[in-house]
PDB file of N, CA and C in Angstrom:
ATOM      1  N   MET A   1     -29.214  -0.482   8.643  1.00  0.00           N
ATOM      2  CA  MET A   1     -27.829  -0.393   9.215  1.00  0.00           C
ATOM      3  C   MET A   1     -27.161   0.758   8.441  1.00  0.00           C
ATOM      4  N   GLU A   2     -26.452   1.718   9.440  1.00  0.00           N
ATOM      5  CA  GLU A   2     -25.673   2.791   8.830  1.00  0.00           C
ATOM      6  C   GLU A   2     -24.373   2.395   8.230  1.00  0.00           C
ATOM      7  N   ALA A   3     -23.992   3.031   7.204  1.00  0.00           N
ATOM      8  CA  ALA A   3     -22.737   2.929   6.597  1.00  0.00           C
ATOM      9  C   ALA A   3     -21.673   3.739   7.331  1.00  0.00           C
ATOM     10  N   THR A   4     -20.461   3.116   7.659  1.00  0.00           N
ATOM     11  CA  THR A   4     -19.383   3.869   8.312  1.00  0.00           C
ATOM     12  C   THR A   4     -18.742   4.595   7.310  1.00  0.00           C
ATOM     13  N   ALA A   5     -18.294   5.759   7.683  1.00  0.00           N
ATOM     14  CA  ALA A   5     -17.489   6.623   6.818  1.00  0.00           C
ATOM     15  C   ALA A   5     -16.139   6.111   6.722  1.00  0.00           C
ATOM     16  N   ALA A   6     -15.454   6.257   5.480  1.00  0.00           N
ATOM     17  CA  ALA A   6     -14.087   5.877   5.376  1.00  0.00           C
ATOM     18  C   ALA A   6     -13.175   6.675   6.127  1.00  0.00           C
ATOM     19  N   PRO A   7     -12.019   6.182   6.638  1.00  0.00           N
ATOM     20  CA  PRO A   7     -11.216   6.992   7.499  1.00  0.00           C
ATOM     21  C   PRO A   7     -10.677   8.172   6.504  1.00  0.00           C
ATOM     22  N   VAL A   8     -10.392   9.329   7.179  1.00  0.00           N
ATOM     23  CA  VAL A   8     -10.055  10.569   6.373  1.00  0.00           C
ATOM     24  C   VAL A   8      -8.449  10.795   6.857  1.00  0.00           C
ATOM     25  N   SER A   9      -7.584  11.052   5.893  1.00  0.00           N
ATOM     26  CA  SER A   9      -6.149  11.303   6.228  1.00  0.00           C
ATOM     27  C   SER A   9      -6.147  12.820   6.729  1.00  0.00           C
ATOM     28  N   THR A  10      -5.483  13.028   7.669  1.00  0.00           N
ATOM     29  CA  THR A  10      -5.157  14.378   8.253  1.00  0.00           C
ATOM     30  C   THR A  10      -3.797  14.810   7.934  1.00  0.00           C
ATOM     31  N   ALA A  11      -3.016  14.235   7.068  1.00  0.00           N
ATOM     32  CA  ALA A  11      -1.670  14.596   6.847  1.00  0.00           C
ATOM     33  C   ALA A  11      -1.559  15.480   5.795  1.00  0.00           C
ATOM     34  N   GLU A  12      -0.293  16.061   5.355  1.00  0.00           N
ATOM     35  CA  GLU A  12      -0.127  16.932   4.330  1.00  0.00           C
ATOM     36  C   GLU A  12      -0.525  16.145   3.046  1.00  0.00           C
ATOM     37  N   PRO A  13      -0.924  16.869   2.004  1.00  0.00           N
ATOM     38  CA  PRO A  13      -1.250  16.317   0.703  1.00  0.00           C
ATOM     39  C   PRO A  13      -0.120  15.608   0.262  1.00  0.00           C
ATOM     40  N   LEU A  14      -0.290  14.634  -0.565  1.00  0.00           N
ATOM     41  CA  LEU A  14       0.699  13.791  -1.190  1.00  0.00           C
ATOM     42  C   LEU A  14       1.369  14.522  -2.342  1.00  0.00           C
ATOM     43  N   ALA A  15       2.710  14.661  -2.215  1.00  0.00           N
ATOM     44  CA  ALA A  15       3.570  15.318  -3.322  1.00  0.00           C
ATOM     45  C   ALA A  15       3.591  14.303  -4.568  1.00  0.00           C
ATOM     46  N   PRO A  16       3.774  14.851  -5.706  1.00  0.00           N
ATOM     47  CA  PRO A  16       3.896  14.106  -6.935  1.00  0.00           C
ATOM     48  C   PRO A  16       5.082  12.966  -6.771  1.00  0.00           C
ATOM     49  N   ASP A  17       6.128  13.371  -6.198  1.00  0.00           N
ATOM     50  CA  ASP A  17       7.186  12.306  -6.103  1.00  0.00           C
ATOM     51  C   ASP A  17       6.987  11.179  -5.202  1.00  0.00           C
ATOM     52  N   GLN A  18       6.259  11.600  -4.124  1.00  0.00           N
ATOM     53  CA  GLN A  18       5.532  10.626  -3.177  1.00  0.00           C
ATOM     54  C   GLN A  18       4.656   9.479  -3.771  1.00  0.00           C
ATOM     55  N   ALA A  19       3.738  10.191  -4.632  1.00  0.00           N
ATOM     56  CA  ALA A  19       2.768   9.274  -5.290  1.00  0.00           C
ATOM     57  C   ALA A  19       3.407   8.396  -6.194  1.00  0.00           C
ATOM     58  N   GLN A  20       4.454   8.884  -6.951  1.00  0.00           N
ATOM     59  CA  GLN A  20       5.191   8.054  -7.825  1.00  0.00           C
ATOM     60  C   GLN A  20       5.869   6.839  -7.084  1.00  0.00           C
ATOM     61  N   GLN A  21       6.466   7.093  -5.868  1.00  0.00           N
ATOM     62  CA  GLN A  21       7.230   6.137  -5.154  1.00  0.00           C
ATOM     63  C   GLN A  21       6.098   5.046  -4.693  1.00  0.00           C
ATOM     64  N   LEU A  22       5.018   5.516  -4.265  1.00  0.00           N
ATOM     65  CA  LEU A  22       4.034   4.648  -3.765  1.00  0.00           C
ATOM     66  C   LEU A  22       3.433   3.681  -4.901  1.00  0.00           C
ATOM     67  N   LEU A  23       3.279   4.360  -6.010  1.00  0.00           N
ATOM     68  CA  LEU A  23       2.661   3.707  -7.193  1.00  0.00           C
ATOM     69  C   LEU A  23       3.638   2.690  -7.719  1.00  0.00           C
ATOM     70  N   ARG A  24       4.826   3.072  -7.780  1.00  0.00           N
ATOM     71  CA  ARG A  24       6.013   2.238  -8.256  1.00  0.00           C
ATOM     72  C   ARG A  24       6.046   1.045  -7.433  1.00  0.00           C
ATOM     73  N   ALA A  25       6.107   1.214  -6.031  1.00  0.00           N
ATOM     74  CA  ALA A  25       6.185   0.077  -5.193  1.00  0.00           C
ATOM     75  C   ALA A  25       5.029  -0.884  -5.394  1.00  0.00           C
ATOM     76  N   LEU A  26       3.681  -0.280  -5.765  1.00  0.00           N
ATOM     77  CA  LEU A  26       2.593  -1.149  -5.747  1.00  0.00           C
ATOM     78  C   LEU A  26       2.436  -1.813  -7.134  1.00  0.00           C
ATOM     79  N   ALA A  27       3.120  -1.239  -8.161  1.00  0.00           N
ATOM     80  CA  ALA A  27       3.003  -1.815  -9.520  1.00  0.00           C
ATOM     81  C   ALA A  27       3.633  -3.207  -9.762  1.00  0.00           C
ATOM     82  N   GLU A  28       4.437  -3.563  -8.986  1.00  0.00           N
ATOM     83  CA  GLU A  28       5.135  -4.903  -8.946  1.00  0.00           C
ATOM     84  C   GLU A  28       4.218  -6.025  -8.333  1.00  0.00           C
ATOM     85  N   PRO A  29       3.821  -7.031  -9.174  1.00  0.00           N
ATOM     86  CA  PRO A  29       2.882  -8.039  -8.666  1.00  0.00           C
ATOM     87  C   PRO A  29       3.197  -8.699  -7.328  1.00  0.00           C
ATOM     88  N   ILE A  30       4.364  -8.965  -7.148  1.00  0.00           N
ATOM     89  CA  ILE A  30       4.736  -9.701  -5.791  1.00  0.00           C
ATOM     90  C   ILE A  30       4.515  -8.670  -4.637  1.00  0.00           C
ATOM     91  N   ARG A  31       4.885  -7.441  -4.839  1.00  0.00           N
ATOM     92  CA  ARG A  31       4.647  -6.522  -3.798  1.00  0.00           C
ATOM     93  C   ARG A  31       3.166  -6.160  -3.520  1.00  0.00           C
ATOM     94  N   LEU A  32       2.421  -6.183  -4.504  1.00  0.00           N
ATOM     95  CA  LEU A  32       1.041  -6.108  -4.434  1.00  0.00           C
ATOM     96  C   LEU A  32       0.473  -7.137  -3.652  1.00  0.00           C
ATOM     97  N   GLN A  33       1.035  -8.481  -3.967  1.00  0.00           N
ATOM     98  CA  GLN A  33       0.603  -9.613  -3.207  1.00  0.00           C
ATOM     99  C   GLN A  33       0.930  -9.549  -1.695  1.00  0.00           C
ATOM    100  N   VAL A  34       2.097  -8.976  -1.411  1.00  0.00           N
ATOM    101  CA  VAL A  34       2.449  -8.782  -0.012  1.00  0.00           C
ATOM    102  C   VAL A  34       1.481  -7.826   0.570  1.00  0.00           C
ATOM    103  N   VAL A  35       1.205  -6.611   0.011  1.00  0.00           N
ATOM    104  CA  VAL A  35       0.169  -5.714   0.529  1.00  0.00           C
ATOM    105  C   VAL A  35      -1.091  -6.420   0.869  1.00  0.00           C
ATOM    106  N   GLN A  36      -1.512  -7.239  -0.104  1.00  0.00           N
ATOM    107  CA  GLN A  36      -2.778  -7.950   0.101  1.00  0.00           C
ATOM    108  C   GLN A  36      -2.759  -9.012   1.224  1.00  0.00           C
ATOM    109  N   ALA A  37      -1.619  -9.630   1.346  1.00  0.00           N
ATOM    110  CA  ALA A  37      -1.374 -10.586   2.460  1.00  0.00           C
ATOM    111  C   ALA A  37      -1.414  -9.768   3.839  1.00  0.00           C
ATOM    112  N   LEU A  38      -1.063  -8.539   3.838  1.00  0.00           N
ATOM    113  CA  LEU A  38      -1.070  -7.838   5.077  1.00  0.00           C
ATOM    114  C   LEU A  38      -2.381  -7.163   5.434  1.00  0.00           C
ATOM    115  N   GLN A  39      -3.376  -7.178   4.653  1.00  0.00           N
ATOM    116  CA  GLN A  39      -4.575  -6.346   4.690  1.00  0.00           C
ATOM    117  C   GLN A  39      -5.342  -6.719   5.907  1.00  0.00           C
ATOM    118  N   HIS A  40      -5.197  -7.819   6.419  1.00  0.00           N
ATOM    119  CA  HIS A  40      -5.870  -8.267   7.650  1.00  0.00           C
ATOM    120  C   HIS A  40      -5.061  -8.190   8.942  1.00  0.00           C
ATOM    121  N   GLY A  41      -4.083  -7.657   8.781  1.00  0.00           N
ATOM    122  CA  GLY A  41      -3.158  -7.555  10.102  1.00  0.00           C
ATOM    123  C   GLY A  41      -1.695  -7.960   9.962  1.00  0.00           C
ATOM    124  N   GLU A  42      -1.018  -7.675  11.009  1.00  0.00           N
ATOM    125  CA  GLU A  42       0.476  -7.869  10.954  1.00  0.00           C
ATOM    126  C   GLU A  42       0.834  -9.459  10.849  1.00  0.00           C
ATOM    127  N   ARG A  43       1.761  -9.627   9.982  1.00  0.00           N
ATOM    128  CA  ARG A  43       2.334 -11.116   9.615  1.00  0.00           C
ATOM    129  C   ARG A  43       3.841 -11.090   9.879  1.00  0.00           C
ATOM    130  N   CYS A  44       4.263 -12.263  10.178  1.00  0.00           N
ATOM    131  CA  CYS A  44       5.607 -12.504  10.245  1.00  0.00           C
ATOM    132  C   CYS A  44       6.209 -12.958   8.911  1.00  0.00           C
ATOM    133  N   VAL A  45       7.421 -12.568   8.815  1.00  0.00           N
ATOM    134  CA  VAL A  45       8.072 -13.023   7.481  1.00  0.00           C
ATOM    135  C   VAL A  45       8.068 -14.519   7.205  1.00  0.00           C
ATOM    136  N   CYS A  46       8.195 -15.256   8.377  1.00  0.00           N
ATOM    137  CA  CYS A  46       8.079 -16.720   8.083  1.00  0.00           C
ATOM    138  C   CYS A  46       6.780 -17.125   7.479  1.00  0.00           C
ATOM    139  N   ASP A  47       5.620 -16.456   7.971  1.00  0.00           N
ATOM    140  CA  ASP A  47       4.183 -16.724   7.389  1.00  0.00           C
ATOM    141  C   ASP A  47       4.240 -16.390   5.924  1.00  0.00           C
ATOM    142  N   LEU A  48       4.664 -15.137   5.773  1.00  0.00           N
ATOM    143  CA  LEU A  48       4.693 -14.637   4.335  1.00  0.00           C
ATOM    144  C   LEU A  48       5.331 -15.395   3.429  1.00  0.00           C
ATOM    145  N   THR A  49       6.596 -15.913   3.618  1.00  0.00           N
ATOM    146  CA  THR A  49       7.317 -16.686   2.655  1.00  0.00           C
ATOM    147  C   THR A  49       6.445 -17.976   2.285  1.00  0.00           C
ATOM    148  N   GLY A  50       5.802 -18.580   3.221  1.00  0.00           N
ATOM    149  CA  GLY A  50       5.007 -19.754   2.975  1.00  0.00           C
ATOM    150  C   GLY A  50       3.779 -19.481   2.066  1.00  0.00           C
ATOM    151  N   ASP A  51       3.131 -18.469   2.682  1.00  0.00           N
ATOM    152  CA  ASP A  51       1.903 -18.106   1.887  1.00  0.00           C
ATOM    153  C   ASP A  51       2.154 -17.609   0.509  1.00  0.00           C
ATOM    154  N   LEU A  52       3.129 -16.892   0.417  1.00  0.00           N
ATOM    155  CA  LEU A  52       3.429 -16.384  -0.987  1.00  0.00           C
ATOM    156  C   LEU A  52       4.344 -17.239  -1.839  1.00  0.00           C
ATOM    157  N   ASP A  53       4.815 -18.310  -1.284  1.00  0.00           N
ATOM    158  CA  ASP A  53       5.800 -19.222  -1.949  1.00  0.00           C
ATOM    159  C   ASP A  53       6.871 -18.458  -2.466  1.00  0.00           C
ATOM    160  N   LEU A  54       7.495 -17.710  -1.665  1.00  0.00           N
ATOM    161  CA  LEU A  54       8.728 -17.087  -2.069  1.00  0.00           C
ATOM    162  C   LEU A  54       9.963 -17.328  -0.982  1.00  0.00           C
ATOM    163  N   ALA A  55      11.280 -17.359  -1.642  1.00  0.00           N
ATOM    164  CA  ALA A  55      12.382 -17.570  -0.928  1.00  0.00           C
ATOM    165  C   ALA A  55      12.346 -16.282   0.100  1.00  0.00           C
ATOM    166  N   GLN A  56      13.033 -16.575   1.270  1.00  0.00           N
ATOM    167  CA  GLN A  56      13.182 -15.271   2.093  1.00  0.00           C
ATOM    168  C   GLN A  56      14.022 -14.061   1.514  1.00  0.00           C
ATOM    169  N   SER A  57      14.915 -14.529   0.773  1.00  0.00           N
ATOM    170  CA  SER A  57      15.868 -13.450   0.318  1.00  0.00           C
ATOM    171  C   SER A  57      15.003 -12.509  -0.840  1.00  0.00           C
ATOM    172  N   LYS A  58      14.121 -13.188  -1.661  1.00  0.00           N
ATOM    173  CA  LYS A  58      13.343 -12.532  -2.753  1.00  0.00           C
ATOM    174  C   LYS A  58      12.368 -11.547  -1.892  1.00  0.00           C
ATOM    175  N   LEU A  59      11.640 -12.344  -0.861  1.00  0.00           N
ATOM    176  CA  LEU A  59      10.654 -11.559  -0.108  1.00  0.00           C
ATOM    177  C   LEU A  59      11.253 -10.434   0.563  1.00  0.00           C
ATOM    178  N   SER A  60      12.405 -10.496   1.187  1.00  0.00           N
ATOM    179  CA  SER A  60      13.066  -9.449   1.929  1.00  0.00           C
ATOM    180  C   SER A  60      13.362  -8.197   1.027  1.00  0.00           C
ATOM    181  N   PHE A  61      13.706  -8.479  -0.317  1.00  0.00           N
ATOM    182  CA  PHE A  61      13.970  -7.362  -1.315  1.00  0.00           C
ATOM    183  C   PHE A  61      12.734  -6.462  -1.430  1.00  0.00           C
ATOM    184  N   HIS A  62      11.552  -7.201  -1.665  1.00  0.00           N
ATOM    185  CA  HIS A  62      10.323  -6.654  -1.910  1.00  0.00           C
ATOM    186  C   HIS A  62       9.743  -5.795  -0.559  1.00  0.00           C
ATOM    187  N   LEU A  63       9.958  -6.469   0.457  1.00  0.00           N
ATOM    188  CA  LEU A  63       9.620  -5.808   1.792  1.00  0.00           C
ATOM    189  C   LEU A  63      10.352  -4.548   2.036  1.00  0.00           C
ATOM    190  N   LYS A  64      11.562  -4.547   1.586  1.00  0.00           N
ATOM    191  CA  LYS A  64      12.454  -3.425   1.777  1.00  0.00           C
ATOM    192  C   LYS A  64      11.958  -2.223   0.889  1.00  0.00           C
ATOM    193  N   VAL A  65      11.473  -2.550  -0.396  1.00  0.00           N
ATOM    194  CA  VAL A  65      11.024  -1.603  -1.339  1.00  0.00           C
ATOM    195  C   VAL A  65       9.685  -0.930  -0.662  1.00  0.00           C
ATOM    196  N   LEU A  66       8.903  -1.941  -0.228  1.00  0.00           N
ATOM    197  CA  LEU A  66       7.524  -1.490   0.427  1.00  0.00           C
ATOM    198  C   LEU A  66       7.853  -0.535   1.538  1.00  0.00           C
ATOM    199  N   LYS A  67       8.738  -0.879   2.432  1.00  0.00           N
ATOM    200  CA  LYS A  67       9.034  -0.174   3.634  1.00  0.00           C
ATOM    201  C   LYS A  67       9.563   1.083   3.328  1.00  0.00           C
ATOM    202  N   GLU A  68      10.642   1.134   2.294  1.00  0.00           N
ATOM    203  CA  GLU A  68      11.068   2.407   1.958  1.00  0.00           C
ATOM    204  C   GLU A  68      10.161   3.435   1.158  1.00  0.00           C
ATOM    205  N   ALA A  69       9.157   2.754   0.609  1.00  0.00           N
ATOM    206  CA  ALA A  69       8.006   3.679   0.103  1.00  0.00           C
ATOM    207  C   ALA A  69       7.153   4.142   1.242  1.00  0.00           C
ATOM    208  N   GLY A  70       7.231   3.617   2.315  1.00  0.00           N
ATOM    209  CA  GLY A  70       6.283   4.091   3.546  1.00  0.00           C
ATOM    210  C   GLY A  70       5.032   3.253   3.476  1.00  0.00           C
ATOM    211  N   LEU A  71       4.810   2.082   2.659  1.00  0.00           N
ATOM    212  CA  LEU A  71       3.623   1.304   2.717  1.00  0.00           C
ATOM    213  C   LEU A  71       3.470   0.408   3.783  1.00  0.00           C
ATOM    214  N   ILE A  72       4.494  -0.004   4.388  1.00  0.00           N
ATOM    215  CA  ILE A  72       4.456  -1.000   5.394  1.00  0.00           C
ATOM    216  C   ILE A  72       5.621  -0.537   6.617  1.00  0.00           C
ATOM    217  N   ARG A  73       5.342  -1.169   7.777  1.00  0.00           N
ATOM    218  CA  ARG A  73       6.209  -0.995   8.962  1.00  0.00           C
ATOM    219  C   ARG A  73       6.533  -2.245   9.458  1.00  0.00           C
ATOM    220  N   ALA A  74       7.666  -2.300  10.101  1.00  0.00           N
ATOM    221  CA  ALA A  74       8.171  -3.658  10.662  1.00  0.00           C
ATOM    222  C   ALA A  74       8.630  -3.355  12.233  1.00  0.00           C
ATOM    223  N   ARG A  75       8.560  -4.447  12.744  1.00  0.00           N
ATOM    224  CA  ARG A  75       8.919  -4.529  14.255  1.00  0.00           C
ATOM    225  C   ARG A  75       9.463  -5.902  14.487  1.00  0.00           C
ATOM    226  N   GLN A  76      10.588  -5.967  15.239  1.00  0.00           N
ATOM    227  CA  GLN A  76      11.220  -7.203  15.594  1.00  0.00           C
ATOM    228  C   GLN A  76      10.706  -7.834  16.829  1.00  0.00           C
ATOM    229  N   GLU A  77      10.618  -9.004  16.928  1.00  0.00           N
ATOM    230  CA  GLU A  77      10.321  -9.685  18.174  1.00  0.00           C
ATOM    231  C   GLU A  77      11.096 -11.028  18.189  1.00  0.00           C
ATOM    232  N   GLY A  78      12.053 -11.065  19.039  1.00  0.00           N
ATOM    233  CA  GLY A  78      12.881 -12.011  19.061  1.00  0.00           C
ATOM    234  C   GLY A  78      13.665 -12.110  17.754  1.00  0.00           C
ATOM    235  N   ARG A  79      13.691 -13.389  17.177  1.00  0.00           N
ATOM    236  CA  ARG A  79      14.486 -13.471  15.957  1.00  0.00           C
ATOM    237  C   ARG A  79      13.507 -13.125  14.629  1.00  0.00           C
ATOM    238  N   TRP A  80      12.322 -12.978  14.846  1.00  0.00           N
ATOM    239  CA  TRP A  80      11.366 -12.699  13.767  1.00  0.00           C
ATOM    240  C   TRP A  80      11.093 -11.267  13.617  1.00  0.00           C
ATOM    241  N   ILE A  81      10.773 -10.906  12.340  1.00  0.00           N
ATOM    242  CA  ILE A  81      10.392  -9.515  12.050  1.00  0.00           C
ATOM    243  C   ILE A  81       8.810  -9.499  11.654  1.00  0.00           C
ATOM    244  N   TYR A  82       8.062  -8.702  12.103  1.00  0.00           N
ATOM    245  CA  TYR A  82       6.657  -8.702  11.671  1.00  0.00           C
ATOM    246  C   TYR A  82       6.306  -7.490  10.969  1.00  0.00           C
ATOM    247  N   TYR A  83       5.611  -7.668   9.868  1.00  0.00           N
ATOM    248  CA  TYR A  83       5.074  -6.419   8.977  1.00  0.00           C
ATOM    249  C   TYR A  83       3.791  -6.174   9.273  1.00  0.00           C
ATOM    250  N   ARG A  84       3.444  -4.932   8.933  1.00  0.00           N
ATOM    251  CA  ARG A  84       2.072  -4.536   8.864  1.00  0.00           C
ATOM    252  C   ARG A  84       2.009  -3.307   7.867  1.00  0.00           C
ATOM    253  N   LEU A  85       0.790  -3.055   7.236  1.00  0.00           N
ATOM    254  CA  LEU A  85       0.461  -2.017   6.482  1.00  0.00           C
ATOM    255  C   LEU A  85       0.553  -0.625   7.263  1.00  0.00           C
ATOM    256  N   GLU A  86       0.891   0.453   6.589  1.00  0.00           N
ATOM    257  CA  GLU A  86       0.959   1.706   7.077  1.00  0.00           C
ATOM    258  C   GLU A  86      -0.268   2.540   6.607  1.00  0.00           C
ATOM    259  N   PRO A  87      -1.149   2.444   7.348  1.00  0.00           N
ATOM    260  CA  PRO A  87      -2.556   3.183   6.929  1.00  0.00           C
ATOM    261  C   PRO A  87      -2.410   4.508   6.405  1.00  0.00           C
ATOM    262  N   ASP A  88      -1.595   5.255   7.051  1.00  0.00           N
ATOM    263  CA  ASP A  88      -1.498   6.859   6.784  1.00  0.00           C
ATOM    264  C   ASP A  88      -1.005   6.838   5.283  1.00  0.00           C
ATOM    265  N   SER A  89      -0.120   6.106   4.789  1.00  0.00           N
ATOM    266  CA  SER A  89       0.351   6.147   3.288  1.00  0.00           C
ATOM    267  C   SER A  89      -0.701   5.664   2.391  1.00  0.00           C
ATOM    268  N   LEU A  90      -1.508   4.660   2.688  1.00  0.00           N
ATOM    269  CA  LEU A  90      -2.633   4.184   1.915  1.00  0.00           C
ATOM    270  C   LEU A  90      -3.515   5.212   1.988  1.00  0.00           C
ATOM    271  N   LEU A  91      -3.919   5.921   3.006  1.00  0.00           N
ATOM    272  CA  LEU A  91      -4.902   7.044   2.976  1.00  0.00           C
ATOM    273  C   LEU A  91      -4.519   8.274   2.171  1.00  0.00           C
ATOM    274  N   LEU A  92      -3.237   8.573   2.132  1.00  0.00           N
ATOM    275  CA  LEU A  92      -2.629   9.635   1.395  1.00  0.00           C
ATOM    276  C   LEU A  92      -2.815   9.367  -0.036  1.00  0.00           C
ATOM    277  N   LEU A  93      -2.551   8.083  -0.333  1.00  0.00           N
ATOM    278  CA  LEU A  93      -2.598   7.740  -1.952  1.00  0.00           C
ATOM    279  C   LEU A  93      -4.038   7.694  -2.222  1.00  0.00           C
ATOM    280  N   ARG A  94      -4.829   7.341  -1.345  1.00  0.00           N
ATOM    281  CA  ARG A  94      -6.493   7.278  -1.731  1.00  0.00           C
ATOM    282  C   ARG A  94      -6.783   8.720  -1.853  1.00  0.00           C
ATOM    283  N   ASP A  95      -6.464   9.581  -1.115  1.00  0.00           N
ATOM    284  CA  ASP A  95      -6.922  10.955  -1.088  1.00  0.00           C
ATOM    285  C   ASP A  95      -6.436  11.601  -2.336  1.00  0.00           C
ATOM    286  N   TRP A  96      -5.045  11.217  -2.740  1.00  0.00           N
ATOM    287  CA  TRP A  96      -4.568  11.802  -3.897  1.00  0.00           C
ATOM    288  C   TRP A  96      -5.191  11.356  -5.132  1.00  0.00           C
ATOM    289  N   LEU A  97      -5.572  10.001  -5.208  1.00  0.00           N
ATOM    290  CA  LEU A  97      -6.372   9.589  -6.364  1.00  0.00           C
ATOM    291  C   LEU A  97      -7.772  10.057  -6.306  1.00  0.00           C
ATOM    292  N   ASP A  98      -8.425  10.167  -5.164  1.00  0.00           N
ATOM    293  CA  ASP A  98      -9.680  10.910  -5.174  1.00  0.00           C
ATOM    294  C   ASP A  98      -9.755  12.360  -5.763  1.00  0.00           C
ATOM    295  N   GLN A  99      -8.619  13.014  -5.361  1.00  0.00           N
ATOM    296  CA  GLN A  99      -8.563  14.487  -6.071  1.00  0.00           C
ATOM    297  C   GLN A  99      -8.364  14.398  -7.427  1.00  0.00           C
ATOM    298  N   LEU A 100      -7.558  13.470  -7.986  1.00  0.00           N
ATOM    299  CA  LEU A 100      -7.532  13.273  -9.480  1.00  0.00           C
ATOM    300  C   LEU A 100      -8.745  13.137 -10.095  1.00  0.00           C
ATOM    301  N   ALA A 101      -9.585  12.145  -9.535  1.00  0.00           N
ATOM    302  CA  ALA A 101     -10.901  11.807 -10.136  1.00  0.00           C
ATOM    303  C   ALA A 101     -11.957  12.868  -9.981  1.00  0.00           C
ATOM    304  N   ALA A 102     -11.741  13.772  -8.914  1.00  0.00           N
ATOM    305  CA  ALA A 102     -12.636  14.792  -8.612  1.00  0.00           C
ATOM    306  C   ALA A 102     -12.426  16.012  -9.647  1.00  0.00           C
ATOM    307  N   VAL A 103     -11.256  16.289 -10.186  1.00  0.00           N
ATOM    308  CA  VAL A 103     -11.134  17.402 -11.094  1.00  0.00           C
ATOM    309  C   VAL A 103     -11.041  16.874 -12.615  1.00  0.00           C
ATOM    310  N   SER A 104     -11.208  15.569 -12.812  1.00  0.00           N
ATOM    311  CA  SER A 104     -11.251  14.994 -14.110  1.00  0.00           C
ATOM    312  C   SER A 104     -12.463  15.408 -14.935  1.00  0.00           C
ATOM    313  N   PRO A 105     -12.353  15.907 -15.906  1.00  0.00           N
ATOM    314  CA  PRO A 105     -13.703  16.240 -16.704  1.00  0.00           C
ATOM    315  C   PRO A 105     -14.452  14.923 -17.121  1.00  0.00           C
ATOM    316  N   ALA A 106     -15.822  15.134 -17.256  1.00  0.00           N
ATOM    317  CA  ALA A 106     -16.520  14.042 -17.708  1.00  0.00           C
ATOM    318  C   ALA A 106     -16.087  13.795 -19.252  1.00  0.00           C
ATOM    319  N   PRO A 107     -16.256  12.590 -19.676  1.00  0.00           N
ATOM    320  CA  PRO A 107     -15.984  12.375 -21.001  1.00  0.00           C
ATOM    321  C   PRO A 107     -16.967  12.893 -22.034  1.00  0.00           C
ATOM    322  N   ALA A 108     -16.497  13.371 -23.070  1.00  0.00           N
ATOM    323  CA  ALA A 108     -17.370  13.961 -24.160  1.00  0.00           C
ATOM    324  C   ALA A 108     -18.121  12.742 -24.817  1.00  0.00           C
ATOM    325  N   ASN A 109     -19.313  13.098 -25.218  1.00  0.00           N
ATOM    326  CA  ASN A 109     -20.188  12.182 -25.883  1.00  0.00           C
ATOM    327  C   ASN A 109     -19.816  12.360 -27.359  1.00  0.00           C
ATOM    328  N   PRO A 110     -19.300  11.477 -28.031  1.00  0.00           N
ATOM    329  CA  PRO A 110     -18.871  11.538 -29.418  1.00  0.00           C
ATOM    330  C   PRO A 110     -20.000  11.444 -30.434  1.00  0.00           C
ATOM    331  N   CYS A 111     -21.136  10.988 -29.939  1.00  0.00           N
ATOM    332  CA  CYS A 111     -22.260  10.675 -30.603  1.00  0.00           C
ATOM    333  C   CYS A 111     -23.350  12.020 -30.821  1.00  0.00           C
ATOM    334  N   SER A 112     -22.944  12.952 -30.127  1.00  0.00           N
ATOM    335  CA  SER A 112     -23.859  14.162 -30.070  1.00  0.00           C
ATOM    336  C   SER A 112     -23.604  15.110 -31.307  1.00  0.00           C
TER     337      SER A 112
END
């Protein structure tokens, strides 16, 4: 079986302030749980409140931060709002981390 290549970002490189905003948004445990809950597709706020055992007001605050950071996208259908991950932002962050790893020197061997 052939391995599939990971998606490649075609957008502009991530600026340091953008990286900081994305990392800050993901650093909060509840927001990381929200991102993980959305990894398999779009979810309604009503589902997220139940799955994450959060009050809607608390969840709404965290969704707002994730949306402002560009990590998620929202759409309204009737009275419900559905959220999904924004893959381009995740790809930009991944590419930025890959670049950091690629230029990091190998650790020195202290026993030599």
